[in-house]
């Protein structure tokens, strides 16, 4: 089973300059926080998502 870990960095209007993907599966993605949501550079600056290929790999029944 493979597990994908992606780190998402939150920005305000600068996300396009911060995208990284390596051949071995390491990924950092940048997201622009929507203008209607509050944003402070020091708060909620990132989140991590985990994923696998199928529901069976996740252990779902």
Protein backbone atom coordinates (compact mmCIF):
# COMPACT_ATOMS: atom_id res chain seq x y z
CA UNK A 1 0.00 0.00 0.00
CA UNK A 2 1.28 3.44 -0.80
CA UNK A 3 0.43 6.45 1.29
CA UNK A 4 0.59 9.98 -0.05
CA UNK A 5 1.43 12.84 2.28
CA UNK A 6 0.95 16.35 0.98
CA UNK A 7 1.78 19.50 2.89
CA UNK A 8 -0.44 22.46 1.96
CA UNK A 9 0.87 25.95 2.71
CA UNK A 10 -1.67 28.75 2.99
CA UNK A 11 -0.96 32.13 1.38
CA UNK A 12 -2.87 35.22 0.36
CA UNK A 13 -2.38 35.74 -3.37
CA UNK A 14 1.12 34.23 -3.62
CA UNK A 15 0.44 30.51 -3.92
CA UNK A 16 1.54 30.06 -7.54
CA UNK A 17 5.16 30.75 -6.58
CA UNK A 18 5.32 28.00 -3.93
CA UNK A 19 4.49 24.70 -5.65
CA UNK A 20 7.00 21.80 -5.42
CA UNK A 21 6.79 18.17 -6.58
CA UNK A 22 9.65 15.67 -6.50
CA UNK A 23 9.79 12.38 -8.47
CA UNK A 24 9.87 10.33 -5.24
CA UNK A 25 6.41 11.52 -4.23
CA UNK A 26 7.27 14.44 -1.95
CA UNK A 27 4.84 17.28 -2.59
CA UNK A 28 4.27 20.72 -1.19
CA UNK A 29 1.21 22.52 -2.51
CA UNK A 30 0.29 26.11 -1.91
CA UNK A 31 -3.25 27.36 -1.56
CA UNK A 32 -4.54 30.92 -1.63
CA UNK A 33 -6.96 31.46 1.22
CA UNK A 34 -10.23 32.79 -0.27
CA UNK A 35 -10.58 36.56 0.10
CA UNK A 36 -13.79 36.25 2.14
CA UNK A 37 -12.02 34.21 4.86
CA UNK A 38 -9.82 35.73 7.55
CA UNK A 39 -6.12 34.99 7.20
CA UNK A 40 -3.09 35.69 9.36
CA UNK A 41 0.32 34.48 8.19
CA UNK A 42 1.14 33.08 11.63
CA UNK A 43 -2.15 31.21 12.16
CA UNK A 44 -3.33 28.13 10.26
CA UNK A 45 -0.33 28.51 7.99
CA UNK A 46 -0.47 24.90 6.76
CA UNK A 47 -2.32 21.61 6.82
CA UNK A 48 -1.34 18.05 5.94
CA UNK A 49 -3.44 15.64 3.88
CA UNK A 50 -2.98 11.88 3.78
CA UNK A 51 -4.28 9.60 1.07
CA UNK A 52 -4.02 6.12 -0.39
CA UNK A 53 -5.06 4.72 -3.74
CA UNK A 54 -8.29 2.84 -2.91
CA UNK A 55 -10.85 2.33 -0.16
CA UNK A 56 -9.40 -1.14 0.42
CA UNK A 57 -5.98 0.40 1.08
CA UNK A 58 -7.61 2.78 3.56
CA UNK A 59 -9.13 -0.18 5.40
CA UNK A 60 -12.70 0.87 4.67
CA UNK A 61 -15.35 -1.81 4.71
